[in-house]
Amino acid sequence: MAAKPKKQEEVGDLFVTETAITVKLLPSKKSGSRSIGWFSEGRVTNSRSAARDIRYLVGKLQGSKRVVRGLTVMTDRGVAFDLSKTGLHEVVALAGLEILG
């Protein structure tokens, strides 16, 4: 019986703006974007929809040969912006992923 090929583990960068999310996986360098309507004034307004969109985009990019376990989260508000007040950490956890860094 042939052994199943191991799945490649990857991490990703999640970039959130008020109109779109972008995920870039590493080391495969696959990336994709999706329009959103649940991030307004620097906060998540609909957690279920946000988690669904993140799960969909990560699942689409990872395919059947990769496993994504964690994401680094960034917004267009800059480095000085406090991510703990956005609700993105909870949404990423709700999507079944962990926050890196």
PDB file of N, CA and C in Angstrom:
ATOM      1  N   MET A   1       0.836  -1.168   0.000  1.00  0.00           N
ATOM      2  CA  MET A   1       0.000   0.000   0.000  1.00  0.00           C
ATOM      3  C   MET A   1       0.890   1.243   0.000  1.00  0.00           C
ATOM      4  N   ALA A   2       0.627   2.177  -0.853  1.00  0.00           N
ATOM      5  CA  ALA A   2       1.432   3.390  -0.955  1.00  0.00           C
ATOM      6  C   ALA A   2       1.109   4.336   0.196  1.00  0.00           C
ATOM      7  N   ALA A   3       2.154   4.934   0.720  1.00  0.00           N
ATOM      8  CA  ALA A   3       1.966   5.896   1.819  1.00  0.00           C
ATOM      9  C   ALA A   3       1.389   7.200   1.273  1.00  0.00           C
ATOM     10  N   LYS A   4       0.511   7.791   2.060  1.00  0.00           N
ATOM     11  CA  LYS A   4      -0.061   9.077   1.666  1.00  0.00           C
ATOM     12  C   LYS A   4       1.009  10.156   1.750  1.00  0.00           C
ATOM     13  N   PRO A   5       1.051  11.044   0.771  1.00  0.00           N
ATOM     14  CA  PRO A   5       2.018  12.135   0.876  1.00  0.00           C
ATOM     15  C   PRO A   5       1.650  13.056   2.035  1.00  0.00           C
ATOM     16  N   LYS A   6       2.685  13.515   2.747  1.00  0.00           N
ATOM     17  CA  LYS A   6       2.434  14.411   3.872  1.00  0.00           C
ATOM     18  C   LYS A   6       1.931  15.748   3.383  1.00  0.00           C
ATOM     19  N   LYS A   7       1.057  16.331   4.160  1.00  0.00           N
ATOM     20  CA  LYS A   7       0.561  17.665   3.834  1.00  0.00           C
ATOM     21  C   LYS A   7       1.592  18.698   4.268  1.00  0.00           C
ATOM     22  N   GLN A   8       1.774  19.691   3.439  1.00  0.00           N
ATOM     23  CA  GLN A   8       2.724  20.761   3.728  1.00  0.00           C
ATOM     24  C   GLN A   8       2.057  21.773   4.643  1.00  0.00           C
ATOM     25  N   GLU A   9       2.705  22.059   5.777  1.00  0.00           N
ATOM     26  CA  GLU A   9       2.169  23.061   6.693  1.00  0.00           C
ATOM     27  C   GLU A   9       2.600  24.443   6.246  1.00  0.00           C
ATOM     28  N   GLU A  10       1.669  25.373   6.298  1.00  0.00           N
ATOM     29  CA  GLU A  10       1.946  26.737   5.899  1.00  0.00           C
ATOM     30  C   GLU A  10       1.391  27.705   6.927  1.00  0.00           C
ATOM     31  N   VAL A  11       1.913  28.909   6.896  1.00  0.00           N
ATOM     32  CA  VAL A  11       1.373  30.013   7.678  1.00  0.00           C
ATOM     33  C   VAL A  11       0.931  31.079   6.686  1.00  0.00           C
ATOM     34  N   GLY A  12       0.136  32.002   7.147  1.00  0.00           N
ATOM     35  CA  GLY A  12      -0.359  33.017   6.235  1.00  0.00           C
ATOM     36  C   GLY A  12      -0.401  34.392   6.847  1.00  0.00           C
ATOM     37  N   ASP A  13      -0.467  35.374   5.971  1.00  0.00           N
ATOM     38  CA  ASP A  13      -0.663  36.764   6.366  1.00  0.00           C
ATOM     39  C   ASP A  13      -2.082  37.144   5.986  1.00  0.00           C
ATOM     40  N   LEU A  14      -2.829  37.683   6.932  1.00  0.00           N
ATOM     41  CA  LEU A  14      -4.180  38.165   6.693  1.00  0.00           C
ATOM     42  C   LEU A  14      -4.143  39.684   6.772  1.00  0.00           C
ATOM     43  N   PHE A  15      -4.481  40.341   5.668  1.00  0.00           N
ATOM     44  CA  PHE A  15      -4.506  41.803   5.614  1.00  0.00           C
ATOM     45  C   PHE A  15      -5.954  42.234   5.430  1.00  0.00           C
ATOM     46  N   VAL A  16      -6.442  43.095   6.331  1.00  0.00           N
ATOM     47  CA  VAL A  16      -7.845  43.491   6.344  1.00  0.00           C
ATOM     48  C   VAL A  16      -7.967  44.989   6.103  1.00  0.00           C
ATOM     49  N   THR A  17      -8.822  45.354   5.137  1.00  0.00           N
ATOM     50  CA  THR A  17      -9.210  46.754   4.940  1.00  0.00           C
ATOM     51  C   THR A  17     -10.724  46.813   5.104  1.00  0.00           C
ATOM     52  N   GLU A  18     -11.303  47.973   4.947  1.00  0.00           N
ATOM     53  CA  GLU A  18     -12.756  48.093   5.108  1.00  0.00           C
ATOM     54  C   GLU A  18     -13.528  47.459   3.958  1.00  0.00           C
ATOM     55  N   THR A  19     -12.869  47.194   2.845  1.00  0.00           N
ATOM     56  CA  THR A  19     -13.579  46.652   1.683  1.00  0.00           C
ATOM     57  C   THR A  19     -13.123  45.269   1.252  1.00  0.00           C
ATOM     58  N   ALA A  20     -11.974  44.779   1.766  1.00  0.00           N
ATOM     59  CA  ALA A  20     -11.467  43.488   1.296  1.00  0.00           C
ATOM     60  C   ALA A  20     -10.545  42.843   2.322  1.00  0.00           C
ATOM     61  N   ILE A  21     -10.416  41.519   2.199  1.00  0.00           N
ATOM     62  CA  ILE A  21      -9.389  40.793   2.942  1.00  0.00           C
ATOM     63  C   ILE A  21      -8.472  40.140   1.917  1.00  0.00           C
ATOM     64  N   THR A  22      -7.209  40.034   2.284  1.00  0.00           N
ATOM     65  CA  THR A  22      -6.225  39.373   1.439  1.00  0.00           C
ATOM     66  C   THR A  22      -5.455  38.391   2.306  1.00  0.00           C
ATOM     67  N   VAL A  23      -5.266  37.185   1.794  1.00  0.00           N
ATOM     68  CA  VAL A  23      -4.472  36.169   2.485  1.00  0.00           C
ATOM     69  C   VAL A  23      -3.328  35.771   1.573  1.00  0.00           C
ATOM     70  N   LYS A  24      -2.126  35.724   2.143  1.00  0.00           N
ATOM     71  CA  LYS A  24      -0.951  35.256   1.408  1.00  0.00           C
ATOM     72  C   LYS A  24      -0.331  34.136   2.223  1.00  0.00           C
ATOM     73  N   LEU A  25      -0.176  32.973   1.594  1.00  0.00           N
ATOM     74  CA  LEU A  25       0.392  31.820   2.272  1.00  0.00           C
ATOM     75  C   LEU A  25       1.892  31.744   2.020  1.00  0.00           C
ATOM     76  N   LEU A  26       2.602  31.265   3.027  1.00  0.00           N
ATOM     77  CA  LEU A  26       4.042  31.070   2.918  1.00  0.00           C
ATOM     78  C   LEU A  26       4.365  29.653   3.344  1.00  0.00           C
ATOM     79  N   PRO A  27       5.187  28.905   2.707  1.00  0.00           N
ATOM     80  CA  PRO A  27       6.162  29.254   1.700  1.00  0.00           C
ATOM     81  C   PRO A  27       5.666  29.141   0.254  1.00  0.00           C
ATOM     82  N   SER A  28       4.418  28.757   0.027  1.00  0.00           N
ATOM     83  CA  SER A  28       3.963  28.550  -1.353  1.00  0.00           C
ATOM     84  C   SER A  28       3.725  29.846  -2.126  1.00  0.00           C
ATOM     85  N   LYS A  29       3.601  30.963  -1.430  1.00  0.00           N
ATOM     86  CA  LYS A  29       3.358  32.276  -2.026  1.00  0.00           C
ATOM     87  C   LYS A  29       2.028  32.375  -2.764  1.00  0.00           C
ATOM     88  N   LYS A  30       1.070  31.503  -2.420  1.00  0.00           N
ATOM     89  CA  LYS A  30      -0.276  31.618  -2.982  1.00  0.00           C
ATOM     90  C   LYS A  30      -0.987  32.758  -2.268  1.00  0.00           C
ATOM     91  N   SER A  31      -1.785  33.513  -3.012  1.00  0.00           N
ATOM     92  CA  SER A  31      -2.520  34.600  -2.388  1.00  0.00           C
ATOM     93  C   SER A  31      -3.876  34.768  -3.051  1.00  0.00           C
ATOM     94  N   GLY A  32      -4.781  35.386  -2.304  1.00  0.00           N
ATOM     95  CA  GLY A  32      -6.113  35.643  -2.821  1.00  0.00           C
ATOM     96  C   GLY A  32      -6.793  36.725  -2.014  1.00  0.00           C
ATOM     97  N   SER A  33      -7.803  37.339  -2.610  1.00  0.00           N
ATOM     98  CA  SER A  33      -8.557  38.411  -1.963  1.00  0.00           C
ATOM     99  C   SER A  33     -10.054  38.141  -2.071  1.00  0.00           C
ATOM    100  N   ARG A  34     -10.797  38.792  -1.202  1.00  0.00           N
ATOM    101  CA  ARG A  34     -12.250  38.669  -1.195  1.00  0.00           C
ATOM    102  C   ARG A  34     -12.838  39.988  -0.698  1.00  0.00           C
ATOM    103  N   SER A  35     -13.874  40.455  -1.369  1.00  0.00           N
ATOM    104  CA  SER A  35     -14.579  41.663  -0.927  1.00  0.00           C
ATOM    105  C   SER A  35     -15.364  41.364   0.343  1.00  0.00           C
ATOM    106  N   ILE A  36     -15.400  42.341   1.250  1.00  0.00           N
ATOM    107  CA  ILE A  36     -16.104  42.144   2.517  1.00  0.00           C
ATOM    108  C   ILE A  36     -16.943  43.371   2.844  1.00  0.00           C
ATOM    109  N   GLY A  37     -17.828  43.200   3.792  1.00  0.00           N
ATOM    110  CA  GLY A  37     -18.632  44.316   4.271  1.00  0.00           C
ATOM    111  C   GLY A  37     -18.765  44.297   5.774  1.00  0.00           C
ATOM    112  N   TRP A  38     -17.935  43.506   6.462  1.00  0.00           N
ATOM    113  CA  TRP A  38     -18.059  43.327   7.898  1.00  0.00           C
ATOM    114  C   TRP A  38     -16.980  44.029   8.720  1.00  0.00           C
ATOM    115  N   PHE A  39     -16.143  44.847   8.111  1.00  0.00           N
ATOM    116  CA  PHE A  39     -15.095  45.578   8.839  1.00  0.00           C
ATOM    117  C   PHE A  39     -15.320  47.060   8.614  1.00  0.00           C
ATOM    118  N   SER A  40     -15.739  47.750   9.662  1.00  0.00           N
ATOM    119  CA  SER A  40     -16.068  49.157   9.531  1.00  0.00           C
ATOM    120  C   SER A  40     -15.493  49.931  10.713  1.00  0.00           C
ATOM    121  N   GLU A  41     -14.883  51.077  10.431  1.00  0.00           N
ATOM    122  CA  GLU A  41     -14.298  51.954  11.440  1.00  0.00           C
ATOM    123  C   GLU A  41     -13.305  51.224  12.340  1.00  0.00           C
ATOM    124  N   GLY A  42     -12.570  50.275  11.762  1.00  0.00           N
ATOM    125  CA  GLY A  42     -11.538  49.564  12.504  1.00  0.00           C
ATOM    126  C   GLY A  42     -12.044  48.469  13.414  1.00  0.00           C
ATOM    127  N   ARG A  43     -13.272  48.009  13.205  1.00  0.00           N
ATOM    128  CA  ARG A  43     -13.860  46.962  14.051  1.00  0.00           C
ATOM    129  C   ARG A  43     -14.632  45.957  13.212  1.00  0.00           C
ATOM    130  N   VAL A  44     -14.688  44.737  13.688  1.00  0.00           N
ATOM    131  CA  VAL A  44     -15.499  43.697  13.063  1.00  0.00           C
ATOM    132  C   VAL A  44     -16.947  43.935  13.461  1.00  0.00           C
ATOM    133  N   THR A  45     -17.839  44.014  12.475  1.00  0.00           N
ATOM    134  CA  THR A  45     -19.254  44.266  12.773  1.00  0.00           C
ATOM    135  C   THR A  45     -20.103  42.999  12.706  1.00  0.00           C
ATOM    136  N   ASN A  46     -19.613  41.941  12.053  1.00  0.00           N
ATOM    137  CA  ASN A  46     -20.362  40.689  11.951  1.00  0.00           C
ATOM    138  C   ASN A  46     -19.374  39.530  12.043  1.00  0.00           C
ATOM    139  N   SER A  47     -19.252  38.948  13.230  1.00  0.00           N
ATOM    140  CA  SER A  47     -18.249  37.908  13.481  1.00  0.00           C
ATOM    141  C   SER A  47     -18.480  36.642  12.663  1.00  0.00           C
ATOM    142  N   ARG A  48     -19.710  36.218  12.547  1.00  0.00           N
ATOM    143  CA  ARG A  48     -20.000  34.979  11.802  1.00  0.00           C
ATOM    144  C   ARG A  48     -19.634  35.119  10.338  1.00  0.00           C
ATOM    145  N   SER A  49     -19.989  36.229   9.753  1.00  0.00           N
ATOM    146  CA  SER A  49     -19.676  36.469   8.350  1.00  0.00           C
ATOM    147  C   SER A  49     -18.164  36.592   8.147  1.00  0.00           C
ATOM    148  N   ALA A  50     -17.495  37.240   9.083  1.00  0.00           N
ATOM    149  CA  ALA A  50     -16.043  37.401   8.996  1.00  0.00           C
ATOM    150  C   ALA A  50     -15.343  36.048   9.063  1.00  0.00           C
ATOM    151  N   ALA A  51     -15.721  35.221  10.025  1.00  0.00           N
ATOM    152  CA  ALA A  51     -15.108  33.899  10.160  1.00  0.00           C
ATOM    153  C   ALA A  51     -15.367  33.054   8.919  1.00  0.00           C
ATOM    154  N   ARG A  52     -16.566  33.141   8.376  1.00  0.00           N
ATOM    155  CA  ARG A  52     -16.908  32.389   7.157  1.00  0.00           C
ATOM    156  C   ARG A  52     -16.047  32.830   5.977  1.00  0.00           C
ATOM    157  N   ASP A  53     -15.875  34.136   5.815  1.00  0.00           N
ATOM    158  CA  ASP A  53     -15.059  34.644   4.708  1.00  0.00           C
ATOM    159  C   ASP A  53     -13.591  34.241   4.854  1.00  0.00           C
ATOM    160  N   ILE A  54     -13.068  34.294   6.068  1.00  0.00           N
ATOM    161  CA  ILE A  54     -11.675  33.902   6.300  1.00  0.00           C
ATOM    162  C   ILE A  54     -11.496  32.409   6.042  1.00  0.00           C
ATOM    163  N   ARG A  55     -12.408  31.588   6.571  1.00  0.00           N
ATOM    164  CA  ARG A  55     -12.343  30.140   6.336  1.00  0.00           C
ATOM    165  C   ARG A  55     -12.412  29.817   4.849  1.00  0.00           C
ATOM    166  N   TYR A  56     -13.315  30.481   4.126  1.00  0.00           N
ATOM    167  CA  TYR A  56     -13.477  30.243   2.696  1.00  0.00           C
ATOM    168  C   TYR A  56     -12.193  30.567   1.935  1.00  0.00           C
ATOM    169  N   LEU A  57     -11.624  31.727   2.206  1.00  0.00           N
ATOM    170  CA  LEU A  57     -10.441  32.156   1.464  1.00  0.00           C
ATOM    171  C   LEU A  57      -9.232  31.280   1.786  1.00  0.00           C
ATOM    172  N   VAL A  58      -9.031  30.957   3.053  1.00  0.00           N
ATOM    173  CA  VAL A  58      -7.915  30.079   3.428  1.00  0.00           C
ATOM    174  C   VAL A  58      -8.120  28.692   2.826  1.00  0.00           C
ATOM    175  N   GLY A  59      -9.324  28.168   2.889  1.00  0.00           N
ATOM    176  CA  GLY A  59      -9.604  26.847   2.318  1.00  0.00           C
ATOM    177  C   GLY A  59      -9.384  26.804   0.823  1.00  0.00           C
ATOM    178  N   LYS A  60      -9.765  27.861   0.140  1.00  0.00           N
ATOM    179  CA  LYS A  60      -9.577  27.941  -1.307  1.00  0.00           C
ATOM    180  C   LYS A  60      -8.090  27.930  -1.662  1.00  0.00           C
ATOM    181  N   LEU A  61      -7.287  28.635  -0.883  1.00  0.00           N
ATOM    182  CA  LEU A  61      -5.861  28.727  -1.168  1.00  0.00           C
ATOM    183  C   LEU A  61      -5.079  27.488  -0.742  1.00  0.00           C
ATOM    184  N   GLN A  62      -5.464  26.876   0.363  1.00  0.00           N
ATOM    185  CA  GLN A  62      -4.666  25.759   0.852  1.00  0.00           C
ATOM    186  C   GLN A  62      -4.855  24.500   0.027  1.00  0.00           C
ATOM    187  N   GLY A  63      -6.025  24.305  -0.553  1.00  0.00           N
ATOM    188  CA  GLY A  63      -6.249  23.117  -1.369  1.00  0.00           C
ATOM    189  C   GLY A  63      -6.173  21.853  -0.533  1.00  0.00           C
ATOM    190  N   SER A  64      -5.867  20.734  -1.189  1.00  0.00           N
ATOM    191  CA  SER A  64      -5.847  19.458  -0.479  1.00  0.00           C
ATOM    192  C   SER A  64      -4.447  19.045  -0.046  1.00  0.00           C
ATOM    193  N   LYS A  65      -3.422  19.746  -0.493  1.00  0.00           N
ATOM    194  CA  LYS A  65      -2.052  19.344  -0.185  1.00  0.00           C
ATOM    195  C   LYS A  65      -1.379  20.227   0.859  1.00  0.00           C
ATOM    196  N   ARG A  66      -2.098  21.214   1.377  1.00  0.00           N
ATOM    197  CA  ARG A  66      -1.520  22.114   2.360  1.00  0.00           C
ATOM    198  C   ARG A  66      -2.436  22.217   3.583  1.00  0.00           C
ATOM    199  N   VAL A  67      -1.824  22.540   4.705  1.00  0.00           N
ATOM    200  CA  VAL A  67      -2.568  22.777   5.937  1.00  0.00           C
ATOM    201  C   VAL A  67      -2.129  24.125   6.483  1.00  0.00           C
ATOM    202  N   VAL A  68      -3.076  25.011   6.688  1.00  0.00           N
ATOM    203  CA  VAL A  68      -2.784  26.325   7.259  1.00  0.00           C
ATOM    204  C   VAL A  68      -3.255  26.306   8.705  1.00  0.00           C
ATOM    205  N   ARG A  69      -2.339  26.593   9.609  1.00  0.00           N
ATOM    206  CA  ARG A  69      -2.673  26.550  11.027  1.00  0.00           C
ATOM    207  C   ARG A  69      -2.736  27.931  11.661  1.00  0.00           C
ATOM    208  N   GLY A  70      -1.945  28.869  11.176  1.00  0.00           N
ATOM    209  CA  GLY A  70      -1.901  30.173  11.816  1.00  0.00           C
ATOM    210  C   GLY A  70      -1.788  31.323  10.840  1.00  0.00           C
ATOM    211  N   LEU A  71      -2.245  32.485  11.292  1.00  0.00           N
ATOM    212  CA  LEU A  71      -2.211  33.690  10.471  1.00  0.00           C
ATOM    213  C   LEU A  71      -1.605  34.847  11.252  1.00  0.00           C
ATOM    214  N   THR A  72      -0.879  35.680  10.546  1.00  0.00           N
ATOM    215  CA  THR A  72      -0.433  36.965  11.071  1.00  0.00           C
ATOM    216  C   THR A  72      -1.446  37.994  10.584  1.00  0.00           C
ATOM    217  N   VAL A  73      -2.003  38.774  11.491  1.00  0.00           N
ATOM    218  CA  VAL A  73      -3.086  39.695  11.153  1.00  0.00           C
ATOM    219  C   VAL A  73      -2.565  41.122  11.077  1.00  0.00           C
ATOM    220  N   MET A  74      -2.963  41.828  10.010  1.00  0.00           N
ATOM    221  CA  MET A  74      -2.601  43.230   9.825  1.00  0.00           C
ATOM    222  C   MET A  74      -3.805  43.976   9.267  1.00  0.00           C
ATOM    223  N   THR A  75      -3.839  45.283   9.496  1.00  0.00           N
ATOM    224  CA  THR A  75      -4.873  46.126   8.904  1.00  0.00           C
ATOM    225  C   THR A  75      -4.210  47.281   8.163  1.00  0.00           C
ATOM    226  N   ASP A  76      -5.032  48.036   7.461  1.00  0.00           N
ATOM    227  CA  ASP A  76      -4.525  49.197   6.739  1.00  0.00           C
ATOM    228  C   ASP A  76      -4.373  50.418   7.650  1.00  0.00           C
ATOM    229  N   ARG A  77      -4.611  50.260   8.928  1.00  0.00           N
ATOM    230  CA  ARG A  77      -4.536  51.365   9.879  1.00  0.00           C
ATOM    231  C   ARG A  77      -3.128  51.610  10.413  1.00  0.00           C
ATOM    232  N   GLY A  78      -2.169  50.780  10.050  1.00  0.00           N
ATOM    233  CA  GLY A  78      -0.787  51.007  10.444  1.00  0.00           C
ATOM    234  C   GLY A  78      -0.346  50.201  11.638  1.00  0.00           C
ATOM    235  N   VAL A  79       0.928  50.312  11.949  1.00  0.00           N
ATOM    236  CA  VAL A  79       1.545  49.532  13.010  1.00  0.00           C
ATOM    237  C   VAL A  79       1.097  49.988  14.393  1.00  0.00           C
ATOM    238  N   ALA A  80       0.844  51.259  14.568  1.00  0.00           N
ATOM    239  CA  ALA A  80       0.486  51.803  15.875  1.00  0.00           C
ATOM    240  C   ALA A  80      -0.954  51.466  16.280  1.00  0.00           C
ATOM    241  N   PHE A  81      -1.753  50.936  15.362  1.00  0.00           N
ATOM    242  CA  PHE A  81      -3.146  50.616  15.645  1.00  0.00           C
ATOM    243  C   PHE A  81      -3.232  49.371  16.524  1.00  0.00           C
ATOM    244  N   ASP A  82      -4.035  49.418  17.580  1.00  0.00           N
ATOM    245  CA  ASP A  82      -4.187  48.312  18.524  1.00  0.00           C
ATOM    246  C   ASP A  82      -5.163  47.275  17.967  1.00  0.00           C
ATOM    247  N   LEU A  83      -4.638  46.120  17.569  1.00  0.00           N
ATOM    248  CA  LEU A  83      -5.473  45.069  16.970  1.00  0.00           C
ATOM    249  C   LEU A  83      -6.405  44.407  17.970  1.00  0.00           C
ATOM    250  N   SER A  84      -6.107  44.490  19.262  1.00  0.00           N
ATOM    251  CA  SER A  84      -6.957  43.825  20.252  1.00  0.00           C
ATOM    252  C   SER A  84      -8.357  44.427  20.307  1.00  0.00           C
ATOM    253  N   LYS A  85      -8.516  45.665  19.863  1.00  0.00           N
ATOM    254  CA  LYS A  85      -9.825  46.320  19.894  1.00  0.00           C
ATOM    255  C   LYS A  85     -10.637  46.084  18.620  1.00  0.00           C
ATOM    256  N   THR A  86     -10.065  45.427  17.631  1.00  0.00           N
ATOM    257  CA  THR A  86     -10.754  45.236  16.354  1.00  0.00           C
ATOM    258  C   THR A  86     -11.693  44.040  16.343  1.00  0.00           C
ATOM    259  N   GLY A  87     -11.426  43.051  17.172  1.00  0.00           N
ATOM    260  CA  GLY A  87     -12.217  41.823  17.155  1.00  0.00           C
ATOM    261  C   GLY A  87     -11.672  40.793  16.178  1.00  0.00           C
ATOM    262  N   LEU A  88     -10.566  41.107  15.507  1.00  0.00           N
ATOM    263  CA  LEU A  88     -10.009  40.183  14.518  1.00  0.00           C
ATOM    264  C   LEU A  88      -9.427  38.925  15.159  1.00  0.00           C
ATOM    265  N   HIS A  89      -8.874  39.046  16.365  1.00  0.00           N
ATOM    266  CA  HIS A  89      -8.320  37.864  17.033  1.00  0.00           C
ATOM    267  C   HIS A  89      -9.420  36.829  17.299  1.00  0.00           C
ATOM    268  N   GLU A  90     -10.564  37.291  17.762  1.00  0.00           N
ATOM    269  CA  GLU A  90     -11.676  36.389  18.047  1.00  0.00           C
ATOM    270  C   GLU A  90     -12.219  35.758  16.764  1.00  0.00           C
ATOM    271  N   VAL A  91     -12.270  36.538  15.704  1.00  0.00           N
ATOM    272  CA  VAL A  91     -12.801  36.040  14.435  1.00  0.00           C
ATOM    273  C   VAL A  91     -11.879  34.987  13.838  1.00  0.00           C
ATOM    274  N   VAL A  92     -10.575  35.211  13.909  1.00  0.00           N
ATOM    275  CA  VAL A  92      -9.623  34.227  13.390  1.00  0.00           C
ATOM    276  C   VAL A  92      -9.724  32.931  14.195  1.00  0.00           C
ATOM    277  N   ALA A  93      -9.871  33.031  15.515  1.00  0.00           N
ATOM    278  CA  ALA A  93     -10.060  31.845  16.349  1.00  0.00           C
ATOM    279  C   ALA A  93     -11.370  31.154  16.002  1.00  0.00           C
ATOM    280  N   LEU A  94     -12.431  31.905  15.748  1.00  0.00           N
ATOM    281  CA  LEU A  94     -13.716  31.349  15.354  1.00  0.00           C
ATOM    282  C   LEU A  94     -13.608  30.622  14.004  1.00  0.00           C
ATOM    283  N   ALA A  95     -12.699  31.083  13.157  1.00  0.00           N
ATOM    284  CA  ALA A  95     -12.476  30.446  11.860  1.00  0.00           C
ATOM    285  C   ALA A  95     -11.645  29.171  11.992  1.00  0.00           C
ATOM    286  N   GLY A  96     -11.159  28.864  13.202  1.00  0.00           N
ATOM    287  CA  GLY A  96     -10.406  27.637  13.423  1.00  0.00           C
ATOM    288  C   GLY A  96      -8.912  27.775  13.210  1.00  0.00           C
ATOM    289  N   LEU A  97      -8.413  28.984  13.232  1.00  0.00           N
ATOM    290  CA  LEU A  97      -6.993  29.232  13.040  1.00  0.00           C
ATOM    291  C   LEU A  97      -6.440  29.927  14.282  1.00  0.00           C
ATOM    292  N   GLU A  98      -5.114  29.967  14.383  1.00  0.00           N
ATOM    293  CA  GLU A  98      -4.516  30.683  15.505  1.00  0.00           C
ATOM    294  C   GLU A  98      -3.778  31.915  15.003  1.00  0.00           C
ATOM    295  N   ILE A  99      -3.614  32.866  15.889  1.00  0.00           N
ATOM    296  CA  ILE A  99      -2.912  34.116  15.575  1.00  0.00           C
ATOM    297  C   ILE A  99      -1.425  33.908  15.869  1.00  0.00           C
ATOM    298  N   LEU A 100      -0.605  34.283  14.922  1.00  0.00           N
ATOM    299  CA  LEU A 100       0.839  34.231  15.105  1.00  0.00           C
ATOM    300  C   LEU A 100       1.359  35.622  15.398  1.00  0.00           C
ATOM    301  N   GLY A 101       2.285  35.731  16.318  1.00  0.00           N
ATOM    302  CA  GLY A 101       2.931  37.013  16.607  1.00  0.00           C
ATOM    303  C   GLY A 101       2.089  37.988  17.215  1.00  0.00           C
TER     304      GLY A 101
END
